[in-house]
Amino acid sequence: MHSQRLAPDLNHLLRGLPRDDWEAISNHLELVRLRPGQLLTDCGQHTNHVYFPTTAVVSMLSFLEDATTVEIATAGNEGMVGIPVVTGGNAMPYRLEVHTPGFGYRLAANKLRQELLRSPAILRLTLLYVQALLTQIAQTAVCNRYHSLNQQVCRWLLLAVDRLCSNEIAITQQVIATKLGVRREGVTEAARKLADLGLIHYSRGHITVIDRVRLELHACECYGLVRREYGRLLYTGDNGPALPERVGHARALAVCAHHAH
């Protein structure tokens, strides 16, 4: 795909690249459609590509011996997936699975390795993102251990709408339960309480956040801590680009659908 057709503002990490670095890398990016449940890389597999989501959201999933699945982090238009390429590892330590369908830019892992060696700016920005992601993973572990299920559901919903830039989430309560590593009945009860408070509306396979401000008040401190850390490392001061304007989800989908193969 021709570089002039690609839009770096659809992914905040790419938007933070200096113009010369964007021009160097954009010729090698491919805009691809990511489908719900699509397996990008499984645990233990070699990482052949990295992805910079634009409208899709990708889950990082850890599995236990009894087949229990827990979501340890998510990545959307704020970042990338394929961290072993940045850190120097070859095998993926967890599963990468598309959580919310949409689009993303795909880049060959070998090309990113070349660019990390060539450009100090690309290396610095991706390492800052890795640090922010590690904060999300650590805080998710703390939250899952010490905070109530209601608080966990609030945190999860807030992170989802942040990455979608929309208050509409196409998701079932069973999927949320699987990602949190809890029973569906617990998520159903939490959703009912939030709906009774007027914070969300839910129907089969769909959740709408009605009052985001109050939903954030019902969440634990983990959501705010993770969000602030992303902002501190990537979007403020000398550490990275200015916090970008959010690209509307409808507009981003339209741009991606127009240019995708």
Protein backbone atom coordinates (compact mmCIF):
# COMPACT_ATOMS: atom_id res chain seq x y z
CA MET A 1 0.00 0.00 0.00
CA HIS A 2 1.30 3.44 -0.89
CA SER A 3 2.50 5.44 2.11
CA GLN A 4 0.42 8.50 1.17
CA ARG A 5 -2.72 6.46 1.75
CA LEU A 6 -1.79 5.61 5.33
CA ALA A 7 -2.83 7.81 8.25
CA PRO A 8 -0.47 7.81 11.26
CA ASP A 9 -3.02 9.60 13.45
CA LEU A 10 -5.15 6.44 13.54
CA ASN A 11 -2.60 4.91 15.92
CA HIS A 12 -1.22 7.11 18.68
CA LEU A 13 2.14 5.36 18.86
CA LEU A 14 2.75 5.83 15.14
CA ARG A 15 1.58 9.42 15.40
CA GLY A 16 4.39 10.07 17.87
CA LEU A 17 7.10 9.19 15.36
CA PRO A 18 9.18 11.97 13.78
CA ARG A 19 8.18 12.60 10.17
CA ASP A 20 11.34 11.02 8.73
CA ASP A 21 10.81 7.85 10.75
CA TRP A 22 7.16 7.67 9.74
CA GLU A 23 8.12 7.97 6.08
CA ALA A 24 10.71 5.22 6.49
CA ILE A 25 8.33 2.79 8.16
CA SER A 26 5.04 3.58 6.41
CA ASN A 27 6.12 2.01 3.11
CA HIS A 28 6.29 -1.32 4.92
CA LEU A 29 2.98 -1.11 6.79
CA GLU A 30 -0.02 -3.07 5.60
CA LEU A 31 -3.52 -2.11 6.68
CA VAL A 32 -5.35 -5.33 7.54
CA ARG A 33 -8.78 -6.27 8.83
CA LEU A 34 -8.70 -8.00 12.22
CA ARG A 35 -11.64 -10.29 12.88
CA PRO A 36 -13.19 -11.19 16.27
CA GLY A 37 -11.38 -14.06 17.94
CA GLN A 38 -8.61 -14.05 15.34
CA LEU A 39 -5.41 -15.56 16.69
CA LEU A 40 -2.47 -13.30 15.86
CA THR A 41 0.26 -15.17 17.74
CA ASP A 42 -0.08 -18.05 20.18
CA CYS A 43 1.91 -18.59 23.35
CA GLY A 44 5.34 -19.97 22.49
CA GLN A 45 5.13 -19.11 18.81
CA HIS A 46 7.76 -17.09 16.96
CA THR A 47 6.71 -13.48 16.42
CA ASN A 48 6.64 -12.84 12.68
CA HIS A 49 4.64 -9.61 12.68
CA VAL A 50 3.80 -6.72 14.97
CA TYR A 51 0.46 -4.94 14.83
CA PHE A 52 -0.48 -1.32 15.46
CA PRO A 53 -4.27 -1.41 16.01
CA THR A 54 -6.34 1.46 14.66
CA THR A 55 -9.94 0.46 15.39
CA ALA A 56 -9.40 -3.10 16.66
CA VAL A 57 -8.55 -4.09 20.23
CA VAL A 58 -6.25 -7.04 20.95
CA SER A 59 -6.22 -9.12 24.14
CA MET A 60 -3.09 -10.55 25.72
CA LEU A 61 -4.20 -13.81 27.30
CA SER A 62 -2.50 -16.11 29.79
CA PHE A 63 -3.56 -19.76 30.21
CA LEU A 64 -3.39 -22.05 33.22
CA GLU A 65 -3.05 -25.84 33.18
CA ASP A 66 -6.77 -26.27 33.82
CA ALA A 67 -7.49 -24.20 30.67
CA THR A 68 -8.53 -21.13 32.66
CA THR A 69 -7.96 -17.99 30.62
CA VAL A 70 -7.12 -14.58 32.08
CA GLU A 71 -6.60 -11.34 30.19
CA ILE A 72 -3.39 -9.71 31.43
CA ALA A 73 -3.59 -6.60 29.21
CA THR A 74 -5.16 -5.12 26.10
CA ALA A 75 -3.81 -2.97 23.29
CA GLY A 76 -5.72 -0.70 20.97
CA ASN A 77 -5.03 2.48 19.06
CA GLU A 78 -2.70 3.69 21.83
CA GLY A 79 0.00 1.14 21.09
CA MET A 80 1.13 -2.10 19.50
CA VAL A 81 1.33 -5.85 20.00
CA GLY A 82 4.41 -7.97 19.41
CA ILE A 83 6.55 -6.79 22.32
CA PRO A 84 9.15 -9.62 22.11
CA VAL A 85 10.39 -8.01 18.89
CA VAL A 86 11.22 -4.84 20.86
CA THR A 87 12.73 -6.57 23.89
CA GLY A 88 14.83 -9.01 21.88
CA GLY A 89 12.93 -12.21 22.53
CA ASN A 90 11.70 -14.53 19.82
CA ALA A 91 8.78 -16.39 21.38
CA MET A 92 5.48 -14.86 22.49
CA PRO A 93 4.95 -15.46 26.25
CA TYR A 94 1.15 -15.14 25.97
CA ARG A 95 -1.60 -15.43 23.36
CA LEU A 96 -2.55 -12.47 21.16
CA GLU A 97 -6.21 -12.66 20.19
CA VAL A 98 -8.45 -10.02 18.60
CA HIS A 99 -10.96 -8.91 21.21
CA THR A 100 -12.79 -6.21 19.24
CA PRO A 101 -12.83 -6.47 15.43
CA GLY A 102 -11.56 -3.63 13.31
CA PHE A 103 -8.38 -2.68 11.51
CA GLY A 104 -4.70 -2.38 12.27
CA TYR A 105 -1.35 -1.84 10.60
CA ARG A 106 0.81 -4.95 10.24
CA LEU A 107 4.59 -4.76 10.02
CA ALA A 108 7.10 -7.56 9.51
CA ALA A 109 9.03 -8.24 12.71
CA ASN A 110 12.37 -8.17 10.89
CA LYS A 111 11.60 -4.72 9.52
CA LEU A 112 10.84 -3.36 12.98
CA ARG A 113 14.10 -4.86 14.26
CA GLN A 114 15.96 -3.01 11.50
CA GLU A 115 14.22 0.26 12.35
CA LEU A 116 14.95 -0.14 16.07
CA LEU A 117 18.66 -0.39 15.23
CA ARG A 118 18.51 2.50 12.77
CA SER A 119 16.41 5.04 14.65
CA PRO A 120 16.97 6.10 18.29
CA ALA A 121 13.56 7.82 18.20
CA ILE A 122 11.69 4.64 17.26
CA LEU A 123 13.61 2.65 19.88
CA ARG A 124 12.91 5.20 22.61
CA LEU A 125 9.20 5.50 21.84
CA THR A 126 8.63 1.75 21.70
CA LEU A 127 10.54 1.18 24.95
CA LEU A 128 8.40 3.83 26.66
CA TYR A 129 5.35 1.98 25.42
CA VAL A 130 6.73 -1.30 26.81
CA GLN A 131 7.13 0.39 30.20
CA ALA A 132 3.55 1.65 30.09
CA LEU A 133 2.32 -1.81 29.11
CA LEU A 134 4.22 -3.40 32.00
CA THR A 135 2.40 -1.00 34.32
CA GLN A 136 -0.93 -2.15 32.88
CA ILE A 137 0.00 -5.82 33.34
CA ALA A 138 1.18 -5.31 36.92
CA GLN A 139 -1.85 -3.24 37.89
CA THR A 140 -4.20 -5.79 36.32
CA ALA A 141 -2.68 -8.47 38.56
CA VAL A 142 -3.17 -6.28 41.64
CA CYS A 143 -6.72 -5.40 40.64
CA ASN A 144 -7.74 -9.00 40.00
CA ARG A 145 -6.41 -10.02 43.41
CA TYR A 146 -7.54 -7.22 45.71
CA HIS A 147 -10.48 -5.33 44.19
CA SER A 148 -14.13 -6.25 43.99
CA LEU A 149 -15.61 -7.70 40.82
CA ASN A 150 -17.76 -4.58 40.42
CA GLN A 151 -14.62 -2.44 40.40
CA GLN A 152 -12.90 -4.79 37.95
CA VAL A 153 -15.84 -4.62 35.55
CA CYS A 154 -15.83 -0.82 35.74
CA ARG A 155 -12.10 -0.75 35.00
CA TRP A 156 -12.50 -3.15 32.09
CA LEU A 157 -15.35 -1.15 30.54
CA LEU A 158 -13.45 2.13 30.87
CA LEU A 159 -10.36 0.70 29.19
CA ALA A 160 -12.56 -0.67 26.41
CA VAL A 161 -14.29 2.63 25.63
CA ASP A 162 -10.93 4.44 25.75
CA ARG A 163 -9.53 2.22 23.03
CA LEU A 164 -12.69 2.25 20.93
CA CYS A 165 -13.23 6.01 21.29
CA SER A 166 -16.89 5.07 21.55
CA ASN A 167 -19.36 4.37 24.35
CA GLU A 168 -20.71 1.34 22.46
CA ILE A 169 -19.09 -2.04 23.15
CA ALA A 170 -20.04 -5.20 21.26
CA ILE A 171 -19.32 -7.82 23.93
CA THR A 172 -21.09 -10.53 25.89
CA GLN A 173 -20.96 -10.89 29.64
CA GLN A 174 -19.49 -14.37 29.16
CA VAL A 175 -16.54 -12.91 27.25
CA ILE A 176 -15.92 -10.33 29.98
CA ALA A 177 -16.08 -13.09 32.60
CA THR A 178 -13.56 -15.18 30.66
CA LYS A 179 -11.14 -12.28 30.37
CA LEU A 180 -11.41 -11.48 34.07
CA GLY A 181 -11.13 -15.15 35.04
CA VAL A 182 -14.44 -15.17 36.94
CA ARG A 183 -17.89 -16.76 36.64
CA ARG A 184 -20.40 -15.26 34.22
CA GLU A 185 -22.99 -14.95 36.98
CA GLY A 186 -20.72 -12.52 38.81
CA VAL A 187 -20.36 -10.29 35.76
CA THR A 188 -24.12 -10.44 35.16
CA GLU A 189 -24.77 -9.25 38.72
CA ALA A 190 -22.17 -6.48 38.41
CA ALA A 191 -23.69 -5.32 35.12
CA ARG A 192 -27.16 -5.30 36.67
CA LYS A 193 -25.99 -3.10 39.53
CA LEU A 194 -24.30 -0.66 37.14
CA ALA A 195 -27.44 -0.53 35.00
CA ASP A 196 -29.62 0.11 38.07
CA LEU A 197 -27.36 3.06 38.89
CA GLY A 198 -27.84 4.44 35.39
CA LEU A 199 -24.19 4.01 34.44
CA ILE A 200 -24.60 1.51 31.61
CA HIS A 201 -27.24 -0.13 29.48
CA TYR A 202 -26.77 -3.72 28.45
CA SER A 203 -28.51 -6.13 26.14
CA ARG A 204 -27.43 -9.42 24.65
CA GLY A 205 -24.00 -8.92 23.10
CA HIS A 206 -23.96 -5.17 23.61
CA ILE A 207 -23.05 -2.69 26.38
CA THR A 208 -23.45 1.09 26.24
CA VAL A 209 -21.69 3.33 28.75
CA ILE A 210 -24.23 6.02 29.63
CA ASP A 211 -22.44 7.97 32.38
CA ARG A 212 -18.70 7.66 32.00
CA VAL A 213 -17.87 10.15 34.77
CA ARG A 214 -19.82 8.25 37.40
CA LEU A 215 -18.58 4.92 36.07
CA GLU A 216 -15.04 6.11 36.69
CA LEU A 217 -16.00 7.04 40.25
CA HIS A 218 -17.16 3.45 40.82
CA ALA A 219 -13.92 2.00 39.45
CA CYS A 220 -10.87 1.37 41.61
CA GLU A 221 -7.70 3.45 41.41
CA CYS A 222 -6.16 0.99 38.93
CA TYR A 223 -7.87 2.53 35.92
CA GLY A 224 -6.67 6.06 36.66
CA LEU A 225 -3.17 4.90 37.54
CA VAL A 226 -2.72 3.04 34.25
CA ARG A 227 -4.17 5.88 32.21
CA ARG A 228 -1.93 8.45 33.90
CA GLU A 229 1.13 6.29 33.33
CA TYR A 230 0.41 6.01 29.61
CA GLY A 231 -0.02 9.77 29.47
CA ARG A 232 3.12 10.48 31.50
CA LEU A 233 5.36 8.22 29.45
CA LEU A 234 4.00 8.67 25.96
CA TYR A 235 2.09 11.90 25.65
CA THR A 236 3.57 14.57 27.92
CA GLY A 237 6.71 16.62 28.35
CA ASP A 238 9.96 15.45 26.79
CA ASN A 239 9.07 11.76 26.98
CA GLY A 240 6.89 11.72 23.90
CA PRO A 241 4.47 13.54 21.65
CA ALA A 242 1.68 15.75 22.89
CA LEU A 243 -1.45 13.83 23.83
CA PRO A 244 -3.18 13.39 20.48
CA GLU A 245 -6.73 14.33 19.70
CA ARG A 246 -8.88 11.24 19.79
CA VAL A 247 -9.84 10.09 16.32
CA GLY A 248 -13.56 9.38 16.26
CA HIS A 249 -14.29 5.67 15.97
CA ALA A 250 -16.70 6.13 13.07
CA ARG A 251 -14.21 8.26 11.17
CA ALA A 252 -11.36 5.82 11.84
CA LEU A 253 -13.47 2.89 10.65
CA ALA A 254 -14.41 4.78 7.50
CA VAL A 255 -10.79 5.62 6.70
CA CYS A 256 -9.60 2.06 7.31
CA ALA A 257 -12.45 0.44 5.39
CA HIS A 258 -11.76 2.72 2.41
CA HIS A 259 -8.07 1.89 2.24
CA ALA A 260 -8.01 -1.77 3.31
CA HIS A 261 -7.46 -4.47 0.72
